[in-house]
Amino acid sequence: MLVLTGSRSHPDATKDWDMGQAATILERFGQGPALLLCRTGDDEHAARMVRGILKRRDLGILALDEPETRFRALAYCLLQLHSRAYGQAQTVVNALRPALRTRVALSSVSKLTNPSPTIGQHLQSMMPGSRFTLDLGEAQGRVTKVKDVAWDQPPQGSLAIWAADDEQNRVTGSLTSSGLHREPLLPMSRTWPAKSWAEMTMLITDPGPLVSRALAPLTRTICPYCGQMAEPQGCLLCGTWPNVPAQAPSASSPTQSRSSDESASTARRPAHPRHDPRSSGHLRGHVQLRPVDLLAGRPDDDRSQALAAGD
């Protein structure tokens, strides 16, 4: 899991941590909005254990079910999000997904279930030297049998990363000499069910306008319980969901109806004073999403510069 605290200058901001390490980082960081970005499954379970141990109401968990390089690309983008807007991280992810393009190359599809290969492709997987590709984007990917794997060159300055498990270089091809950033494979990384595979994800457009348009309707959406920016469906940080419709009062007893109304009013009353983060100076806009910040990094951010294609 990644621990997001709003500090992009932290040297380990893009690293994955286990449960104990994440808890230590958060205790050292102290109070303030933080987000555990994790993969669904065991990684998410560990993140929820961390939140349960620390018992913090300003610690959110966002679990993503994505291939590894898509997960990492979204993580790099979320690093640009101001900590006051962590409660709206899911909206940011939803806005960015259509702009991600992912290509996967596999030496076999015999164990692939999603997308599902044809029976003929299952049989072709038994032949030595077989190669297959699938492209993930706005639509569900389709498996294609290929002779050689071709990798598109990302636009200059765009975010592009890749990962692979391909000791014999059967499907990686030109990726090794592309100059793009290669993500290391970790125990919690998502992998593909093939002996050799490679995966590349690129962000095909400037994410700034996408995210700004997505967050614009949420400028006044504040959680009434913890005071953080949230989504209409509820608060990702403190875990409260204030918009669950209350049951209609029974019409059989006026006294019971008044009692129910009073109870509902009490339940809707904020546990803490409503707080608008825009008035406190903590929110520098919604996100730090100038293209130079998000794609190419700041001049002193060597890691961000390494992620920009063609640098």
Protein backbone atom coordinates (compact mmCIF):
# COMPACT_ATOMS: atom_id res chain seq x y z
CA MET A 1 0.00 0.00 0.00
CA LEU A 2 1.03 3.61 -0.54
CA VAL A 3 0.80 6.15 2.28
CA LEU A 4 -0.31 9.54 0.97
CA THR A 5 0.09 12.43 3.40
CA GLY A 6 0.16 15.40 1.05
CA SER A 7 3.96 15.66 1.07
CA ARG A 8 5.26 15.00 -2.46
CA SER A 9 8.75 15.99 -1.39
CA HIS A 10 9.00 12.97 0.90
CA PRO A 11 11.62 10.65 -0.68
CA ASP A 12 9.49 7.55 -0.08
CA ALA A 13 6.15 9.01 -1.20
CA THR A 14 5.84 6.53 -4.09
CA LYS A 15 6.97 3.41 -2.22
CA ASP A 16 4.83 0.46 -1.20
CA TRP A 17 4.77 -0.40 2.49
CA ASP A 18 3.62 -3.34 4.56
CA MET A 19 1.21 -3.00 7.47
CA GLY A 20 3.79 -2.27 10.17
CA GLN A 21 5.72 0.22 8.06
CA ALA A 22 2.57 2.10 7.07
CA ALA A 23 1.47 2.38 10.71
CA THR A 24 4.90 3.72 11.70
CA ILE A 25 4.85 6.36 8.94
CA LEU A 26 1.38 7.53 9.93
CA GLU A 27 2.29 7.76 13.62
CA ARG A 28 5.36 9.81 12.70
CA PHE A 29 3.29 12.04 10.41
CA GLY A 30 0.80 12.85 13.17
CA GLN A 31 -2.71 14.17 12.71
CA GLY A 32 -4.00 15.41 9.41
CA PRO A 33 -5.77 13.91 6.38
CA ALA A 34 -3.98 10.85 5.01
CA LEU A 35 -4.87 8.19 2.47
CA LEU A 36 -3.88 4.54 2.17
CA LEU A 37 -3.90 3.69 -1.54
CA CYS A 38 -3.96 -0.06 -2.01
CA ARG A 39 -4.88 -2.91 -4.30
CA THR A 40 -8.02 -4.91 -3.64
CA GLY A 41 -7.50 -8.20 -1.81
CA ASP A 42 -4.73 -8.81 0.72
CA ASP A 43 -3.34 -5.29 0.29
CA GLU A 44 -6.73 -3.78 1.16
CA HIS A 45 -7.10 -6.10 4.16
CA ALA A 46 -3.74 -4.91 5.50
CA ALA A 47 -4.77 -1.27 4.99
CA ARG A 48 -7.96 -1.79 6.97
CA MET A 49 -5.95 -3.42 9.73
CA VAL A 50 -3.77 -0.30 9.90
CA ARG A 51 -6.80 1.96 10.20
CA GLY A 52 -8.29 -0.30 12.86
CA ILE A 53 -5.09 -0.24 14.90
CA LEU A 54 -4.60 3.53 14.70
CA LYS A 55 -8.31 4.36 15.15
CA ARG A 56 -8.00 7.54 13.13
CA ARG A 57 -11.00 9.35 11.65
CA ASP A 58 -8.82 11.26 9.19
CA LEU A 59 -7.36 8.18 7.50
CA GLY A 60 -9.03 7.06 4.30
CA ILE A 61 -8.62 3.83 2.32
CA LEU A 62 -8.95 3.71 -1.45
CA ALA A 63 -8.67 0.19 -2.89
CA LEU A 64 -8.25 -0.09 -6.67
CA ASP A 65 -8.80 -3.22 -8.76
CA GLU A 66 -6.40 -2.41 -11.58
CA PRO A 67 -3.47 -4.01 -13.41
CA GLU A 68 -0.16 -3.03 -11.83
CA THR A 69 0.96 -0.23 -14.14
CA ARG A 70 -2.52 1.34 -14.17
CA PHE A 71 -2.51 1.25 -10.38
CA ARG A 72 0.90 2.92 -10.29
CA ALA A 73 -0.07 5.55 -12.87
CA LEU A 74 -3.14 6.48 -10.84
CA ALA A 75 -0.98 6.58 -7.71
CA TYR A 76 1.44 9.08 -9.30
CA CYS A 77 -1.50 11.29 -10.23
CA LEU A 78 -3.04 11.10 -6.76
CA LEU A 79 0.26 12.26 -5.30
CA GLN A 80 -0.60 15.66 -6.79
CA LEU A 81 -3.89 15.83 -4.90
CA HIS A 82 -3.98 18.18 -1.93
CA SER A 83 -4.46 16.29 1.32
CA ARG A 84 -7.62 18.31 2.06
CA ALA A 85 -9.22 16.68 -0.99
CA TYR A 86 -8.34 13.06 -0.20
CA GLY A 87 -11.99 12.42 0.54
CA GLN A 88 -12.66 13.02 -3.18
CA ALA A 89 -9.91 10.71 -4.44
CA GLN A 90 -12.39 8.25 -5.95
CA THR A 91 -13.81 11.02 -8.14
CA VAL A 92 -10.29 11.83 -9.34
CA VAL A 93 -9.64 8.18 -10.19
CA ASN A 94 -12.93 7.94 -12.11
CA ALA A 95 -11.98 11.04 -14.11
CA LEU A 96 -8.53 9.71 -14.99
CA ARG A 97 -9.41 6.15 -15.98
CA PRO A 98 -10.68 7.04 -19.49
CA ALA A 99 -7.36 8.77 -20.21
CA LEU A 100 -5.28 5.68 -19.43
CA ARG A 101 -4.21 3.25 -22.15
CA THR A 102 -2.69 -0.08 -21.19
CA ARG A 103 -1.15 -2.73 -23.44
CA VAL A 104 -0.35 -6.21 -22.16
CA ALA A 105 1.75 -8.83 -23.95
CA LEU A 106 1.59 -12.49 -22.90
CA SER A 107 3.36 -15.66 -23.94
CA SER A 108 0.22 -17.68 -23.20
CA VAL A 109 -3.48 -17.07 -22.58
CA SER A 110 -4.36 -20.59 -21.43
CA LYS A 111 -5.01 -19.33 -17.88
CA LEU A 112 -6.43 -15.94 -18.81
CA THR A 113 -10.07 -15.42 -17.82
CA ASN A 114 -10.66 -11.68 -18.27
CA PRO A 115 -10.79 -10.86 -21.09
CA SER A 116 -11.63 -14.35 -22.20
CA PRO A 117 -9.61 -15.79 -25.12
CA THR A 118 -11.16 -17.98 -27.80
CA ILE A 119 -10.78 -21.75 -27.90
CA GLY A 120 -8.42 -21.34 -30.85
CA GLN A 121 -6.23 -18.97 -28.86
CA HIS A 122 -6.12 -21.49 -26.02
CA LEU A 123 -4.79 -24.05 -28.48
CA GLN A 124 -2.31 -21.58 -29.97
CA SER A 125 -0.91 -21.00 -26.47
CA MET A 126 0.49 -24.54 -26.58
CA MET A 127 2.71 -23.68 -29.54
CA PRO A 128 6.29 -22.56 -28.76
CA GLY A 129 6.95 -18.89 -29.38
CA SER A 130 3.32 -17.81 -29.18
CA ARG A 131 2.60 -14.17 -28.35
CA PHE A 132 -0.63 -12.39 -27.56
CA THR A 133 -1.60 -8.82 -26.80
CA LEU A 134 -4.58 -7.13 -25.25
CA ASP A 135 -5.33 -3.43 -24.94
CA LEU A 136 -7.18 -1.97 -21.98
CA GLY A 137 -8.82 1.41 -22.26
CA GLU A 138 -12.33 2.75 -22.26
CA ALA A 139 -13.67 -0.55 -23.60
CA GLN A 140 -13.00 -4.07 -22.43
CA GLY A 141 -9.83 -5.45 -23.98
CA ARG A 142 -9.75 -8.15 -26.63
CA VAL A 143 -7.07 -10.81 -26.97
CA THR A 144 -5.12 -10.76 -30.24
CA LYS A 145 -2.59 -13.31 -31.52
CA VAL A 146 0.50 -11.51 -32.88
CA LYS A 147 3.78 -12.49 -34.48
CA ASP A 148 5.78 -9.73 -32.80
CA VAL A 149 4.75 -7.40 -30.00
CA ALA A 150 4.65 -3.72 -30.98
CA TRP A 151 4.77 -1.06 -28.28
CA ASP A 152 3.48 2.43 -29.11
CA GLN A 153 5.78 5.31 -28.26
CA PRO A 154 4.04 7.64 -25.79
CA PRO A 155 3.70 11.34 -26.66
CA GLN A 156 6.60 13.51 -25.57
CA GLY A 157 6.30 14.48 -21.91
CA SER A 158 3.44 12.11 -21.12
CA LEU A 159 3.33 9.81 -18.14
CA ALA A 160 4.26 6.28 -19.22
CA ILE A 161 5.46 3.33 -17.13
CA TRP A 162 5.93 -0.39 -17.65
CA ALA A 163 6.49 -3.62 -15.75
CA ALA A 164 7.38 -7.13 -16.86
CA ASP A 165 8.23 -10.65 -15.82
CA ASP A 166 10.09 -11.79 -18.92
CA GLU A 167 13.53 -13.26 -18.29
CA GLN A 168 13.91 -14.48 -21.88
CA ASN A 169 12.68 -11.23 -23.47
CA ARG A 170 9.91 -13.03 -25.32
CA VAL A 171 7.35 -10.21 -25.14
CA THR A 172 9.16 -7.16 -23.72
CA GLY A 173 10.80 -6.22 -27.01
CA SER A 174 11.59 -2.53 -27.41
CA LEU A 175 10.42 -1.58 -23.92
CA THR A 176 13.84 -2.27 -22.45
CA SER A 177 15.42 0.40 -24.69
CA SER A 178 12.53 2.87 -24.65
CA GLY A 179 13.85 4.96 -21.78
CA LEU A 180 10.53 4.67 -19.94
CA HIS A 181 10.38 4.10 -16.22
CA ARG A 182 10.15 0.42 -15.25
CA GLU A 183 8.19 -0.41 -12.11
CA PRO A 184 9.70 -3.12 -9.89
CA LEU A 185 7.56 -6.14 -9.13
CA LEU A 186 6.75 -6.48 -5.45
CA PRO A 187 5.07 -9.29 -3.49
CA MET A 188 1.79 -7.34 -3.56
CA SER A 189 2.02 -6.40 -7.27
CA ARG A 190 -0.66 -7.58 -9.68
CA THR A 191 0.72 -10.04 -12.23
CA TRP A 192 -0.58 -11.91 -15.26
CA PRO A 193 -1.07 -15.71 -15.51
CA ALA A 194 1.67 -16.38 -18.05
CA LYS A 195 5.31 -17.45 -17.89
CA SER A 196 6.32 -14.26 -19.71
CA TRP A 197 4.37 -11.02 -19.70
CA ALA A 198 4.88 -7.28 -20.05
CA GLU A 199 2.55 -4.36 -19.40
CA MET A 200 2.72 -0.66 -20.23
CA THR A 201 0.35 2.16 -19.26
CA MET A 202 0.39 5.71 -20.59
CA LEU A 203 -1.69 8.78 -19.82
CA ILE A 204 -2.79 10.05 -23.21
CA THR A 205 -3.98 13.55 -22.29
CA ASP A 206 -3.40 16.38 -19.84
CA PRO A 207 -5.14 15.19 -16.66
CA GLY A 208 -5.56 18.71 -15.25
CA PRO A 209 -8.76 19.67 -17.09
CA LEU A 210 -10.26 16.20 -16.53
CA VAL A 211 -9.78 16.38 -12.78
CA SER A 212 -10.79 20.04 -12.51
CA ARG A 213 -14.10 19.36 -14.30
CA ALA A 214 -14.76 16.31 -12.12
CA LEU A 215 -14.11 18.18 -8.86
CA ALA A 216 -15.89 21.42 -9.80
CA PRO A 217 -19.35 20.22 -8.64
CA LEU A 218 -17.87 19.11 -5.30
CA THR A 219 -16.37 22.41 -4.15
CA ARG A 220 -18.95 22.77 -1.37
CA THR A 221 -19.30 19.10 -0.51
CA ILE A 222 -17.99 18.92 3.05
CA CYS A 223 -18.42 16.01 5.45
CA PRO A 224 -20.57 17.29 8.36
CA TYR A 225 -18.86 14.90 10.76
CA CYS A 226 -15.12 15.37 10.18
CA GLY A 227 -15.11 18.64 8.21
CA GLN A 228 -13.08 17.24 5.29
CA MET A 229 -13.95 17.53 1.63
CA ALA A 230 -16.09 14.55 0.65
CA GLU A 231 -18.34 13.13 -2.04
CA PRO A 232 -22.15 13.20 -2.03
CA GLN A 233 -22.18 9.46 -1.38
CA GLY A 234 -20.23 9.89 1.86
CA CYS A 235 -16.82 10.50 3.36
CA LEU A 236 -13.87 8.36 2.35
CA LEU A 237 -11.88 9.51 5.38
CA CYS A 238 -14.10 9.09 8.43
CA GLY A 239 -16.30 6.45 6.78
CA THR A 240 -19.66 8.09 7.47
CA TRP A 241 -22.40 7.98 4.88
CA PRO A 242 -24.81 10.83 5.72
CA ASN A 243 -27.06 10.48 2.68
CA VAL A 244 -28.65 7.15 3.55
CA PRO A 245 -32.41 7.86 3.36
CA ALA A 246 -34.18 7.65 6.72
CA GLN A 247 -37.24 5.45 7.10
CA ALA A 248 -40.55 7.27 6.81
CA PRO A 249 -42.30 7.71 10.20
CA SER A 250 -45.28 5.56 10.95
CA ALA A 251 -48.65 7.30 10.47
CA SER A 252 -50.35 5.32 13.24
CA SER A 253 -49.25 7.58 16.08
CA PRO A 254 -48.66 11.37 15.93
CA THR A 255 -46.51 11.14 19.04
CA GLN A 256 -44.41 8.42 17.48
CA SER A 257 -44.06 10.51 14.31
CA ARG A 258 -42.79 13.52 16.25
CA SER A 259 -40.36 11.30 18.13
CA SER A 260 -39.09 9.81 14.89
CA ASP A 261 -38.65 13.26 13.35
CA GLU A 262 -36.67 14.42 16.38
CA SER A 263 -34.47 11.32 16.24
CA ALA A 264 -33.82 11.77 12.54
CA SER A 265 -32.95 15.42 13.10
CA THR A 266 -30.52 14.45 15.83
CA ALA A 267 -28.95 11.79 13.63
CA ARG A 268 -28.41 14.30 10.84
CA ARG A 269 -26.89 16.90 13.16
CA PRO A 270 -23.12 17.15 12.59
CA ALA A 271 -21.01 15.70 15.36
CA HIS A 272 -18.52 18.54 14.74
CA PRO A 273 -19.03 22.10 13.48
CA ARG A 274 -19.24 22.31 9.72
CA HIS A 275 -15.92 23.45 8.33
CA ASP A 276 -15.20 24.90 4.91
CA PRO A 277 -11.55 24.17 4.05
CA ARG A 278 -11.50 26.93 1.46
CA SER A 279 -11.74 29.52 4.21
CA SER A 280 -8.79 28.11 6.15
CA GLY A 281 -6.16 28.47 3.46
CA HIS A 282 -5.40 24.73 3.50
CA LEU A 283 -6.73 24.11 -0.01
CA ARG A 284 -4.63 25.55 -2.83
CA GLY A 285 -7.39 25.04 -5.38
CA HIS A 286 -8.51 21.42 -5.37
CA VAL A 287 -5.39 19.79 -6.69
CA GLN A 288 -1.91 20.67 -7.76
CA LEU A 289 -2.52 19.82 -11.38
CA ARG A 290 -0.38 22.06 -13.54
CA PRO A 291 0.93 19.82 -16.35
CA VAL A 292 4.54 20.54 -15.39
CA ASP A 293 3.83 19.32 -11.86
CA LEU A 294 1.83 16.25 -12.77
CA LEU A 295 3.64 14.93 -15.81
CA ALA A 296 7.18 16.16 -15.82
CA GLY A 297 7.67 16.91 -12.15
CA ARG A 298 9.25 19.89 -10.53
CA PRO A 299 12.88 20.73 -11.38
CA ASP A 300 14.06 19.17 -8.11
CA ASP A 301 11.97 16.03 -8.46
CA ASP A 302 14.24 13.57 -10.27
CA ARG A 303 11.83 10.68 -9.91
CA SER A 304 8.97 12.56 -11.55
CA GLN A 305 11.24 13.58 -14.41
CA ALA A 306 12.18 9.94 -14.95
CA LEU A 307 8.53 9.10 -15.47
CA ALA A 308 8.06 11.49 -18.37
CA ALA A 309 8.38 9.78 -21.72
CA GLY A 310 11.23 10.91 -23.87
CA ASP A 311 13.22 12.62 -21.10
